[in-house]
Amino acid sequence: MKNKKTYENLQGNIRNLKTPIIEVWENKYPDRDYVVDIETNEFTCVCPKTGLPDFATIKVCYRPSKVCIELKSFKLYLIFYRDVGIFHEHLVNKILDDLLEACNPRWMKVEAVMNPRGGIQTTVSAEYPQAKA
């Protein structure tokens, strides 16, 4: 009998995963179109197939509207994923959804550059509004 914790059952309900609140603060320049880049290379989550840790650099680029992302709460939000089994594609889309809900930006892109596993590096990105094909 395997004594391995499985994370696969989380994937079907990933959109409803309860994550910490991302706080915001009032943008004093809502009339100006400018870009904010946020990046951390200290992100970890769990591979839903193996239960092993996945490491990544998370990049967020956005054009704020009325509010900006508060960085400490965003860091705590990212730490939440340390014990969450999640596919890379789901991770990026969940982060984008939660950030959009928190700050309603003019534009945003979220990217995860996953450390290589088995000789394969994965980079996943999602953008709002979606780029036209």
C-alpha atoms as a PDB file:
ATOM      1  CA  MET A   1       0.000   0.000   0.000  1.00  0.00           C
ATOM      2  CA  LYS A   2       1.364   3.392  -0.949  1.00  0.00           C
ATOM      3  CA  ASN A   3       1.627   5.972   1.797  1.00  0.00           C
ATOM      4  CA  LYS A   4       1.758   8.917  -0.603  1.00  0.00           C
ATOM      5  CA  LYS A   5      -0.458  11.956  -0.229  1.00  0.00           C
ATOM      6  CA  THR A   6      -2.384  12.642  -3.413  1.00  0.00           C
ATOM      7  CA  TYR A   7      -3.236  16.104  -4.717  1.00  0.00           C
ATOM      8  CA  GLU A   8      -5.044  15.094  -7.899  1.00  0.00           C
ATOM      9  CA  ASN A   9      -8.548  15.487  -6.457  1.00  0.00           C
ATOM     10  CA  LEU A  10      -7.988  19.240  -6.049  1.00  0.00           C
ATOM     11  CA  GLN A  11      -7.750  19.891  -9.785  1.00  0.00           C
ATOM     12  CA  GLY A  12     -11.456  19.509 -10.545  1.00  0.00           C
ATOM     13  CA  ASN A  13     -12.443  22.283  -8.149  1.00  0.00           C
ATOM     14  CA  ILE A  14      -9.403  24.554  -8.518  1.00  0.00           C
ATOM     15  CA  ARG A  15     -11.451  27.639  -9.419  1.00  0.00           C
ATOM     16  CA  ASN A  16     -13.148  27.437  -6.015  1.00  0.00           C
ATOM     17  CA  LEU A  17      -9.922  27.010  -4.023  1.00  0.00           C
ATOM     18  CA  LYS A  18     -10.124  29.401  -1.053  1.00  0.00           C
ATOM     19  CA  THR A  19      -6.961  31.496  -1.107  1.00  0.00           C
ATOM     20  CA  PRO A  20      -5.840  34.333   1.183  1.00  0.00           C
ATOM     21  CA  ILE A  21      -7.122  37.825   0.392  1.00  0.00           C
ATOM     22  CA  ILE A  22      -4.855  40.014  -1.708  1.00  0.00           C
ATOM     23  CA  GLU A  23      -5.002  43.507  -0.251  1.00  0.00           C
ATOM     24  CA  VAL A  24      -4.831  46.683  -2.311  1.00  0.00           C
ATOM     25  CA  TRP A  25      -4.185  50.376  -1.730  1.00  0.00           C
ATOM     26  CA  GLU A  26      -5.530  53.477  -3.466  1.00  0.00           C
ATOM     27  CA  ASN A  27      -3.732  54.535  -6.615  1.00  0.00           C
ATOM     28  CA  LYS A  28      -3.165  58.311  -6.488  1.00  0.00           C
ATOM     29  CA  TYR A  29      -2.442  58.337 -10.254  1.00  0.00           C
ATOM     30  CA  PRO A  30      -5.442  56.518 -11.752  1.00  0.00           C
ATOM     31  CA  ASP A  31      -5.435  58.937 -14.694  1.00  0.00           C
ATOM     32  CA  ARG A  32      -1.913  57.887 -15.707  1.00  0.00           C
ATOM     33  CA  ASP A  33      -1.177  54.760 -17.741  1.00  0.00           C
ATOM     34  CA  TYR A  34       1.863  53.114 -16.127  1.00  0.00           C
ATOM     35  CA  VAL A  35       3.130  49.575 -15.586  1.00  0.00           C
ATOM     36  CA  VAL A  36       4.015  47.732 -12.373  1.00  0.00           C
ATOM     37  CA  ASP A  37       6.246  44.636 -12.531  1.00  0.00           C
ATOM     38  CA  ILE A  38       6.328  42.202  -9.597  1.00  0.00           C
ATOM     39  CA  GLU A  39       8.637  39.181  -9.554  1.00  0.00           C
ATOM     40  CA  THR A  40       9.640  36.563  -7.006  1.00  0.00           C
ATOM     41  CA  ASN A  41      11.844  33.509  -7.431  1.00  0.00           C
ATOM     42  CA  GLU A  42      10.840  32.031  -4.064  1.00  0.00           C
ATOM     43  CA  PHE A  43       7.589  30.391  -5.143  1.00  0.00           C
ATOM     44  CA  THR A  44       6.841  26.745  -4.347  1.00  0.00           C
ATOM     45  CA  CYS A  45       3.855  24.486  -4.830  1.00  0.00           C
ATOM     46  CA  VAL A  46       3.405  20.718  -5.079  1.00  0.00           C
ATOM     47  CA  CYS A  47       3.268  18.518  -8.161  1.00  0.00           C
ATOM     48  CA  PRO A  48      -0.225  16.970  -8.145  1.00  0.00           C
ATOM     49  CA  LYS A  49       1.079  13.731  -9.679  1.00  0.00           C
ATOM     50  CA  THR A  50       4.160  13.023  -7.557  1.00  0.00           C
ATOM     51  CA  GLY A  51       3.661  15.106  -4.420  1.00  0.00           C
ATOM     52  CA  LEU A  52       7.150  16.532  -4.915  1.00  0.00           C
ATOM     53  CA  PRO A  53       7.814  20.266  -4.582  1.00  0.00           C
ATOM     54  CA  ASP A  54       7.781  22.483  -7.661  1.00  0.00           C
ATOM     55  CA  PHE A  55       9.819  25.696  -7.659  1.00  0.00           C
ATOM     56  CA  ALA A  56       9.127  28.705  -9.861  1.00  0.00           C
ATOM     57  CA  THR A  57       9.628  32.354 -10.581  1.00  0.00           C
ATOM     58  CA  ILE A  58       6.297  34.163 -10.609  1.00  0.00           C
ATOM     59  CA  LYS A  59       6.040  37.350 -12.651  1.00  0.00           C
ATOM     60  CA  VAL A  60       3.119  39.780 -12.581  1.00  0.00           C
ATOM     61  CA  CYS A  61       2.947  42.789 -14.864  1.00  0.00           C
ATOM     62  CA  TYR A  62      -0.060  45.114 -14.735  1.00  0.00           C
ATOM     63  CA  ARG A  63      -1.445  48.560 -15.510  1.00  0.00           C
ATOM     64  CA  PRO A  64      -3.267  49.704 -12.388  1.00  0.00           C
ATOM     65  CA  SER A  65      -6.596  51.431 -12.421  1.00  0.00           C
ATOM     66  CA  LYS A  66      -8.035  52.641  -9.090  1.00  0.00           C
ATOM     67  CA  VAL A  67      -5.948  50.438  -6.781  1.00  0.00           C
ATOM     68  CA  CYS A  68      -2.542  48.734  -6.620  1.00  0.00           C
ATOM     69  CA  ILE A  69      -1.529  45.351  -5.204  1.00  0.00           C
ATOM     70  CA  GLU A  70      -0.194  45.418  -1.651  1.00  0.00           C
ATOM     71  CA  LEU A  71       3.006  43.364  -1.775  1.00  0.00           C
ATOM     72  CA  LYS A  72       3.052  41.814   1.718  1.00  0.00           C
ATOM     73  CA  SER A  73      -0.424  40.352   1.273  1.00  0.00           C
ATOM     74  CA  PHE A  74       0.567  39.100  -2.190  1.00  0.00           C
ATOM     75  CA  LYS A  75       3.618  37.384  -0.677  1.00  0.00           C
ATOM     76  CA  LEU A  76       1.385  35.696   1.932  1.00  0.00           C
ATOM     77  CA  TYR A  77      -0.992  34.711  -0.872  1.00  0.00           C
ATOM     78  CA  LEU A  78       1.872  33.034  -2.767  1.00  0.00           C
ATOM     79  CA  ILE A  79       3.108  31.233   0.376  1.00  0.00           C
ATOM     80  CA  PHE A  80      -0.341  29.632   0.647  1.00  0.00           C
ATOM     81  CA  TYR A  81       0.484  27.484  -2.409  1.00  0.00           C
ATOM     82  CA  ARG A  82       3.447  25.827  -0.660  1.00  0.00           C
ATOM     83  CA  ASP A  83       1.288  22.822   0.290  1.00  0.00           C
ATOM     84  CA  VAL A  84      -1.122  22.919  -2.651  1.00  0.00           C
ATOM     85  CA  GLY A  85      -0.926  20.341  -5.417  1.00  0.00           C
ATOM     86  CA  ILE A  86      -1.648  22.214  -8.624  1.00  0.00           C
ATOM     87  CA  PHE A  87      -0.850  21.929 -12.312  1.00  0.00           C
ATOM     88  CA  HIS A  88       1.222  24.833 -13.672  1.00  0.00           C
ATOM     89  CA  GLU A  89      -1.536  25.875 -16.062  1.00  0.00           C
ATOM     90  CA  HIS A  90      -4.123  25.969 -13.283  1.00  0.00           C
ATOM     91  CA  LEU A  91      -1.746  27.896 -11.037  1.00  0.00           C
ATOM     92  CA  VAL A  92      -1.243  30.767 -13.471  1.00  0.00           C
ATOM     93  CA  ASN A  93      -4.933  31.078 -14.262  1.00  0.00           C
ATOM     94  CA  LYS A  94      -5.917  30.958 -10.571  1.00  0.00           C
ATOM     95  CA  ILE A  95      -3.403  33.676  -9.678  1.00  0.00           C
ATOM     96  CA  LEU A  96      -4.680  35.813 -12.557  1.00  0.00           C
ATOM     97  CA  ASP A  97      -8.310  35.320 -11.469  1.00  0.00           C
ATOM     98  CA  ASP A  98      -7.535  36.264  -7.863  1.00  0.00           C
ATOM     99  CA  LEU A  99      -5.495  39.322  -8.842  1.00  0.00           C
ATOM    100  CA  LEU A 100      -8.184  40.525 -11.244  1.00  0.00           C
ATOM    101  CA  GLU A 101     -10.768  40.219  -8.485  1.00  0.00           C
ATOM    102  CA  ALA A 102      -8.549  42.124  -6.045  1.00  0.00           C
ATOM    103  CA  CYS A 103      -7.445  45.073  -8.178  1.00  0.00           C
ATOM    104  CA  ASN A 104      -9.432  45.220 -11.445  1.00  0.00           C
ATOM    105  CA  PRO A 105      -6.480  46.494 -13.525  1.00  0.00           C
ATOM    106  CA  ARG A 106      -6.545  47.953 -17.023  1.00  0.00           C
ATOM    107  CA  TRP A 107      -4.260  45.115 -18.171  1.00  0.00           C
ATOM    108  CA  MET A 108      -2.420  42.252 -16.491  1.00  0.00           C
ATOM    109  CA  LYS A 109      -0.137  39.354 -17.362  1.00  0.00           C
ATOM    110  CA  VAL A 110       0.853  36.556 -14.978  1.00  0.00           C
ATOM    111  CA  GLU A 111       3.716  34.216 -15.832  1.00  0.00           C
ATOM    112  CA  ALA A 112       5.196  31.211 -14.016  1.00  0.00           C
ATOM    113  CA  VAL A 113       8.639  30.031 -15.055  1.00  0.00           C
ATOM    114  CA  MET A 114       8.870  26.592 -13.469  1.00  0.00           C
ATOM    115  CA  ASN A 115      12.254  25.118 -12.607  1.00  0.00           C
ATOM    116  CA  PRO A 116      13.158  22.173 -14.849  1.00  0.00           C
ATOM    117  CA  ARG A 117      11.872  18.779 -13.769  1.00  0.00           C
ATOM    118  CA  GLY A 118      13.088  15.713 -15.636  1.00  0.00           C
ATOM    119  CA  GLY A 119      14.920  17.958 -18.097  1.00  0.00           C
ATOM    120  CA  ILE A 120      11.756  19.886 -19.043  1.00  0.00           C
ATOM    121  CA  GLN A 121      11.221  23.532 -18.186  1.00  0.00           C
ATOM    122  CA  THR A 122       7.685  24.883 -18.352  1.00  0.00           C
ATOM    123  CA  THR A 123       6.633  28.517 -18.701  1.00  0.00           C
ATOM    124  CA  VAL A 124       2.936  29.347 -18.534  1.00  0.00           C
ATOM    125  CA  SER A 125       1.402  32.794 -18.962  1.00  0.00           C
ATOM    126  CA  ALA A 126      -2.114  34.223 -18.982  1.00  0.00           C
ATOM    127  CA  GLU A 127      -3.221  37.726 -19.856  1.00  0.00           C
ATOM    128  CA  TYR A 128      -6.180  40.042 -19.277  1.00  0.00           C
ATOM    129  CA  PRO A 129      -7.777  41.176 -21.395  1.00  0.00           C
ATOM    130  CA  GLN A 130      -6.975  38.224 -23.600  1.00  0.00           C
ATOM    131  CA  ALA A 131      -4.858  39.021 -26.619  1.00  0.00           C
ATOM    132  CA  LYS A 132      -6.798  38.742 -29.857  1.00  0.00           C
ATOM    133  CA  ALA A 133      -5.734  35.824 -32.033  1.00  0.00           C
END
